[in-house]
């Protein structure tokens, strides 16, 4: 019986860890999209400052 309880607790802990990891991945994907768009804007701004371009 104790073995089943330990297995149940480990299963809950593992599931909780997976859920937290999935939330972090979604959060970082969002930040990646924001930073990538910002980086693109910076690149375009730098190109527009070059003479004879745009």
PDB file of N, CA and C in Angstrom:
ATOM      1  N   UNK A   1       0.831  -1.196   0.000  1.00  0.00           N
ATOM      2  CA  UNK A   1       0.000   0.000   0.000  1.00  0.00           C
ATOM      3  C   UNK A   1       0.872   1.255   0.000  1.00  0.00           C
ATOM      4  N   UNK A   2       1.954   1.233   0.777  1.00  0.00           N
ATOM      5  CA  UNK A   2       2.835   2.400   0.846  1.00  0.00           C
ATOM      6  C   UNK A   2       3.504   2.641  -0.509  1.00  0.00           C
ATOM      7  N   UNK A   3       3.816   1.580  -1.207  1.00  0.00           N
ATOM      8  CA  UNK A   3       4.432   1.699  -2.531  1.00  0.00           C
ATOM      9  C   UNK A   3       3.496   2.429  -3.490  1.00  0.00           C
ATOM     10  N   UNK A   4       2.205   2.124  -3.434  1.00  0.00           N
ATOM     11  CA  UNK A   4       1.239   2.795  -4.292  1.00  0.00           C
ATOM     12  C   UNK A   4       1.132   4.272  -3.935  1.00  0.00           C
ATOM     13  N   UNK A   5       1.176   4.593  -2.653  1.00  0.00           N
ATOM     14  CA  UNK A   5       1.110   5.995  -2.229  1.00  0.00           C
ATOM     15  C   UNK A   5       2.314   6.774  -2.741  1.00  0.00           C
ATOM     16  N   UNK A   6       3.490   6.168  -2.649  1.00  0.00           N
ATOM     17  CA  UNK A   6       4.695   6.825  -3.141  1.00  0.00           C
ATOM     18  C   UNK A   6       4.606   7.039  -4.653  1.00  0.00           C
ATOM     19  N   UNK A   7       4.121   6.017  -5.347  1.00  0.00           N
ATOM     20  CA  UNK A   7       3.979   6.121  -6.799  1.00  0.00           C
ATOM     21  C   UNK A   7       2.986   7.214  -7.164  1.00  0.00           C
ATOM     22  N   UNK A   8       1.901   7.318  -6.426  1.00  0.00           N
ATOM     23  CA  UNK A   8       0.885   8.339  -6.666  1.00  0.00           C
ATOM     24  C   UNK A   8       1.463   9.739  -6.453  1.00  0.00           C
ATOM     25  N   UNK A   9       2.217   9.920  -5.387  1.00  0.00           N
ATOM     26  CA  UNK A   9       2.837  11.223  -5.096  1.00  0.00           C
ATOM     27  C   UNK A   9       3.853  11.589  -6.175  1.00  0.00           C
ATOM     28  N   UNK A  10       4.647  10.616  -6.595  1.00  0.00           N
ATOM     29  CA  UNK A  10       5.614  10.874  -7.659  1.00  0.00           C
ATOM     30  C   UNK A  10       4.907  11.238  -8.967  1.00  0.00           C
ATOM     31  N   UNK A  11       3.803  10.578  -9.238  1.00  0.00           N
ATOM     32  CA  UNK A  11       3.035  10.861 -10.445  1.00  0.00           C
ATOM     33  C   UNK A  11       2.484  12.289 -10.408  1.00  0.00           C
ATOM     34  N   UNK A  12       1.969  12.701  -9.272  1.00  0.00           N
ATOM     35  CA  UNK A  12       1.445  14.065  -9.128  1.00  0.00           C
ATOM     36  C   UNK A  12       2.578  15.083  -9.284  1.00  0.00           C
ATOM     37  N   UNK A  13       3.709  14.835  -8.646  1.00  0.00           N
ATOM     38  CA  UNK A  13       4.845  15.751  -8.729  1.00  0.00           C
ATOM     39  C   UNK A  13       5.352  15.861 -10.170  1.00  0.00           C
ATOM     40  N   UNK A  14       5.424  14.734 -10.860  1.00  0.00           N
ATOM     41  CA  UNK A  14       5.892  14.733 -12.245  1.00  0.00           C
ATOM     42  C   UNK A  14       4.925  15.501 -13.136  1.00  0.00           C
ATOM     43  N   UNK A  15       3.637  15.274 -12.979  1.00  0.00           N
ATOM     44  CA  UNK A  15       2.623  15.974 -13.763  1.00  0.00           C
ATOM     45  C   UNK A  15       2.680  17.471 -13.503  1.00  0.00           C
ATOM     46  N   UNK A  16       2.852  17.861 -12.249  1.00  0.00           N
ATOM     47  CA  UNK A  16       2.953  19.275 -11.898  1.00  0.00           C
ATOM     48  C   UNK A  16       4.184  19.908 -12.547  1.00  0.00           C
ATOM     49  N   UNK A  17       5.304  19.194 -12.540  1.00  0.00           N
ATOM     50  CA  UNK A  17       6.527  19.705 -13.156  1.00  0.00           C
ATOM     51  C   UNK A  17       6.348  19.881 -14.663  1.00  0.00           C
ATOM     52  N   UNK A  18       5.688  18.931 -15.300  1.00  0.00           N
ATOM     53  CA  UNK A  18       5.433  19.034 -16.743  1.00  0.00           C
ATOM     54  C   UNK A  18       4.549  20.241 -17.039  1.00  0.00           C
ATOM     55  N   UNK A  19       3.515  20.442 -16.236  1.00  0.00           N
ATOM     56  CA  UNK A  19       2.618  21.587 -16.439  1.00  0.00           C
ATOM     57  C   UNK A  19       3.364  22.908 -16.297  1.00  0.00           C
ATOM     58  N   UNK A  20       4.229  23.011 -15.292  1.00  0.00           N
ATOM     59  CA  UNK A  20       5.013  24.244 -15.119  1.00  0.00           C
ATOM     60  C   UNK A  20       5.944  24.462 -16.299  1.00  0.00           C
ATOM     61  N   UNK A  21       6.535  23.384 -16.793  1.00  0.00           N
ATOM     62  CA  UNK A  21       7.447  23.480 -17.927  1.00  0.00           C
ATOM     63  C   UNK A  21       6.705  23.952 -19.182  1.00  0.00           C
ATOM     64  N   UNK A  22       5.501  23.443 -19.397  1.00  0.00           N
ATOM     65  CA  UNK A  22       4.707  23.871 -20.549  1.00  0.00           C
ATOM     66  C   UNK A  22       4.343  25.350 -20.451  1.00  0.00           C
ATOM     67  N   UNK A  23       4.013  25.814 -19.256  1.00  0.00           N
ATOM     68  CA  UNK A  23       3.709  27.233 -19.074  1.00  0.00           C
ATOM     69  C   UNK A  23       4.923  28.104 -19.371  1.00  0.00           C
ATOM     70  N   UNK A  24       6.093  27.663 -18.918  1.00  0.00           N
ATOM     71  CA  UNK A  24       7.313  28.422 -19.195  1.00  0.00           C
ATOM     72  C   UNK A  24       7.602  28.473 -20.688  1.00  0.00           C
ATOM     73  N   UNK A  25       7.397  27.364 -21.376  1.00  0.00           N
ATOM     74  CA  UNK A  25       7.634  27.349 -22.815  1.00  0.00           C
ATOM     75  C   UNK A  25       6.713  28.323 -23.543  1.00  0.00           C
ATOM     76  N   UNK A  26       5.450  28.370 -23.146  1.00  0.00           N
ATOM     77  CA  UNK A  26       4.516  29.317 -23.765  1.00  0.00           C
ATOM     78  C   UNK A  26       4.936  30.754 -23.489  1.00  0.00           C
ATOM     79  N   UNK A  27       5.374  30.999 -22.264  1.00  0.00           N
ATOM     80  CA  UNK A  27       5.814  32.342 -21.884  1.00  0.00           C
ATOM     81  C   UNK A  27       7.033  32.756 -22.704  1.00  0.00           C
ATOM     82  N   UNK A  28       8.001  31.861 -22.848  1.00  0.00           N
ATOM     83  CA  UNK A  28       9.214  32.187 -23.602  1.00  0.00           C
ATOM     84  C   UNK A  28       8.937  32.322 -25.092  1.00  0.00           C
ATOM     85  N   UNK A  29       7.995  31.542 -25.628  1.00  0.00           N
ATOM     86  CA  UNK A  29       7.630  31.707 -27.033  1.00  0.00           C
ATOM     87  C   UNK A  29       7.069  33.112 -27.274  1.00  0.00           C
ATOM     88  N   UNK A  30       6.250  33.577 -26.339  1.00  0.00           N
ATOM     89  CA  UNK A  30       5.682  34.925 -26.456  1.00  0.00           C
ATOM     90  C   UNK A  30       6.794  35.971 -26.428  1.00  0.00           C
ATOM     91  N   UNK A  31       7.729  35.852 -25.495  1.00  0.00           N
ATOM     92  CA  UNK A  31       8.836  36.803 -25.410  1.00  0.00           C
ATOM     93  C   UNK A  31       9.711  36.739 -26.655  1.00  0.00           C
ATOM     94  N   UNK A  32       9.878  35.533 -27.203  1.00  0.00           N
ATOM     95  CA  UNK A  32      10.686  35.386 -28.408  1.00  0.00           C
ATOM     96  C   UNK A  32      10.051  36.150 -29.565  1.00  0.00           C
ATOM     97  N   UNK A  33       8.735  36.026 -29.708  1.00  0.00           N
ATOM     98  CA  UNK A  33       8.043  36.746 -30.774  1.00  0.00           C
ATOM     99  C   UNK A  33       8.201  38.253 -30.608  1.00  0.00           C
ATOM    100  N   UNK A  34       8.065  38.744 -29.396  1.00  0.00           N
ATOM    101  CA  UNK A  34       8.210  40.179 -29.138  1.00  0.00           C
ATOM    102  C   UNK A  34       9.630  40.637 -29.460  1.00  0.00           C
ATOM    103  N   UNK A  35      10.617  39.904 -28.978  1.00  0.00           N
ATOM    104  CA  UNK A  35      12.003  40.316 -29.188  1.00  0.00           C
ATOM    105  C   UNK A  35      12.383  40.210 -30.652  1.00  0.00           C
ATOM    106  N   UNK A  36      11.865  39.202 -31.341  1.00  0.00           N
ATOM    107  CA  UNK A  36      12.188  39.050 -32.750  1.00  0.00           C
ATOM    108  C   UNK A  36      11.614  40.215 -33.549  1.00  0.00           C
ATOM    109  N   UNK A  37      10.399  40.634 -33.231  1.00  0.00           N
ATOM    110  CA  UNK A  37       9.798  41.763 -33.917  1.00  0.00           C
ATOM    111  C   UNK A  37      10.584  43.038 -33.611  1.00  0.00           C
ATOM    112  N   UNK A  38      11.010  43.210 -32.378  1.00  0.00           N
ATOM    113  CA  UNK A  38      11.787  44.386 -31.989  1.00  0.00           C
ATOM    114  C   UNK A  38      13.134  44.382 -32.709  1.00  0.00           C
ATOM    115  N   UNK A  39      13.752  43.216 -32.794  1.00  0.00           N
ATOM    116  CA  UNK A  39      15.035  43.109 -33.472  1.00  0.00           C
ATOM    117  C   UNK A  39      14.889  43.461 -34.950  1.00  0.00           C
ATOM    118  N   UNK A  40      13.811  42.997 -35.564  1.00  0.00           N
ATOM    119  CA  UNK A  40      13.561  43.323 -36.968  1.00  0.00           C
ATOM    120  C   UNK A  40      13.365  44.818 -37.155  1.00  0.00           C
ATOM    121  N   UNK A  41      12.642  45.443 -36.248  1.00  0.00           N
ATOM    122  CA  UNK A  41      12.445  46.895 -36.325  1.00  0.00           C
ATOM    123  C   UNK A  41      13.782  47.616 -36.207  1.00  0.00           C
ATOM    124  N   UNK A  42      14.640  47.148 -35.316  1.00  0.00           N
ATOM    125  CA  UNK A  42      15.964  47.769 -35.159  1.00  0.00           C
ATOM    126  C   UNK A  42      16.802  47.610 -36.419  1.00  0.00           C
ATOM    127  N   UNK A  43      16.736  46.454 -37.041  1.00  0.00           N
ATOM    128  CA  UNK A  43      17.504  46.223 -38.270  1.00  0.00           C
ATOM    129  C   UNK A  43      17.023  47.157 -39.372  1.00  0.00           C
ATOM    130  N   UNK A  44      15.701  47.253 -39.524  1.00  0.00           N
ATOM    131  CA  UNK A  44      15.154  48.140 -40.548  1.00  0.00           C
ATOM    132  C   UNK A  44      15.515  49.598 -40.269  1.00  0.00           C
ATOM    133  N   UNK A  45      15.487  49.994 -39.006  1.00  0.00           N
ATOM    134  CA  UNK A  45      15.862  51.361 -38.645  1.00  0.00           C
ATOM    135  C   UNK A  45      17.323  51.623 -39.000  1.00  0.00           C
ATOM    136  N   UNK A  46      18.196  50.662 -38.696  1.00  0.00           N
ATOM    137  CA  UNK A  46      19.617  50.828 -39.007  1.00  0.00           C
ATOM    138  C   UNK A  46      19.843  50.899 -40.516  1.00  0.00           C
ATOM    139  N   UNK A  47      19.128  50.082 -41.286  1.00  0.00           N
ATOM    140  CA  UNK A  47      19.269  50.140 -42.736  1.00  0.00           C
ATOM    141  C   UNK A  47      18.796  51.460 -43.298  1.00  0.00           C
ATOM    142  N   UNK A  48      17.741  52.013 -42.710  1.00  0.00           N
ATOM    143  CA  UNK A  48      17.208  53.279 -43.221  1.00  0.00           C
ATOM    144  C   UNK A  48      18.169  54.434 -42.969  1.00  0.00           C
ATOM    145  N   UNK A  49      19.082  54.292 -42.023  1.00  0.00           N
ATOM    146  CA  UNK A  49      20.051  55.329 -41.737  1.00  0.00           C
ATOM    147  C   UNK A  49      21.235  55.323 -42.702  1.00  0.00           C
ATOM    148  N   UNK A  50      21.414  54.206 -43.416  1.00  0.00           N
ATOM    149  CA  UNK A  50      22.520  54.135 -44.373  1.00  0.00           C
ATOM    150  C   UNK A  50      22.214  55.017 -45.576  1.00  0.00           C
ATOM    151  N   UNK A  51      23.225  55.722 -46.072  1.00  0.00           N
ATOM    152  CA  UNK A  51      22.993  56.595 -47.225  1.00  0.00           C
ATOM    153  C   UNK A  51      22.673  55.777 -48.478  1.00  0.00           C
ATOM    154  N   UNK A  52      21.664  56.239 -49.227  1.00  0.00           N
ATOM    155  CA  UNK A  52      21.307  55.596 -50.489  1.00  0.00           C
ATOM    156  C   UNK A  52      20.416  54.379 -50.350  1.00  0.00           C
ATOM    157  N   UNK A  53      19.993  54.056 -49.147  1.00  0.00           N
ATOM    158  CA  UNK A  53      19.134  52.886 -48.951  1.00  0.00           C
ATOM    159  C   UNK A  53      17.804  53.358 -48.371  1.00  0.00           C
ATOM    160  N   UNK A  54      16.734  52.903 -48.940  1.00  0.00           N
ATOM    161  CA  UNK A  54      15.346  53.176 -48.547  1.00  0.00           C
ATOM    162  C   UNK A  54      14.993  54.641 -48.665  1.00  0.00           C
TER     163      UNK A  54
END
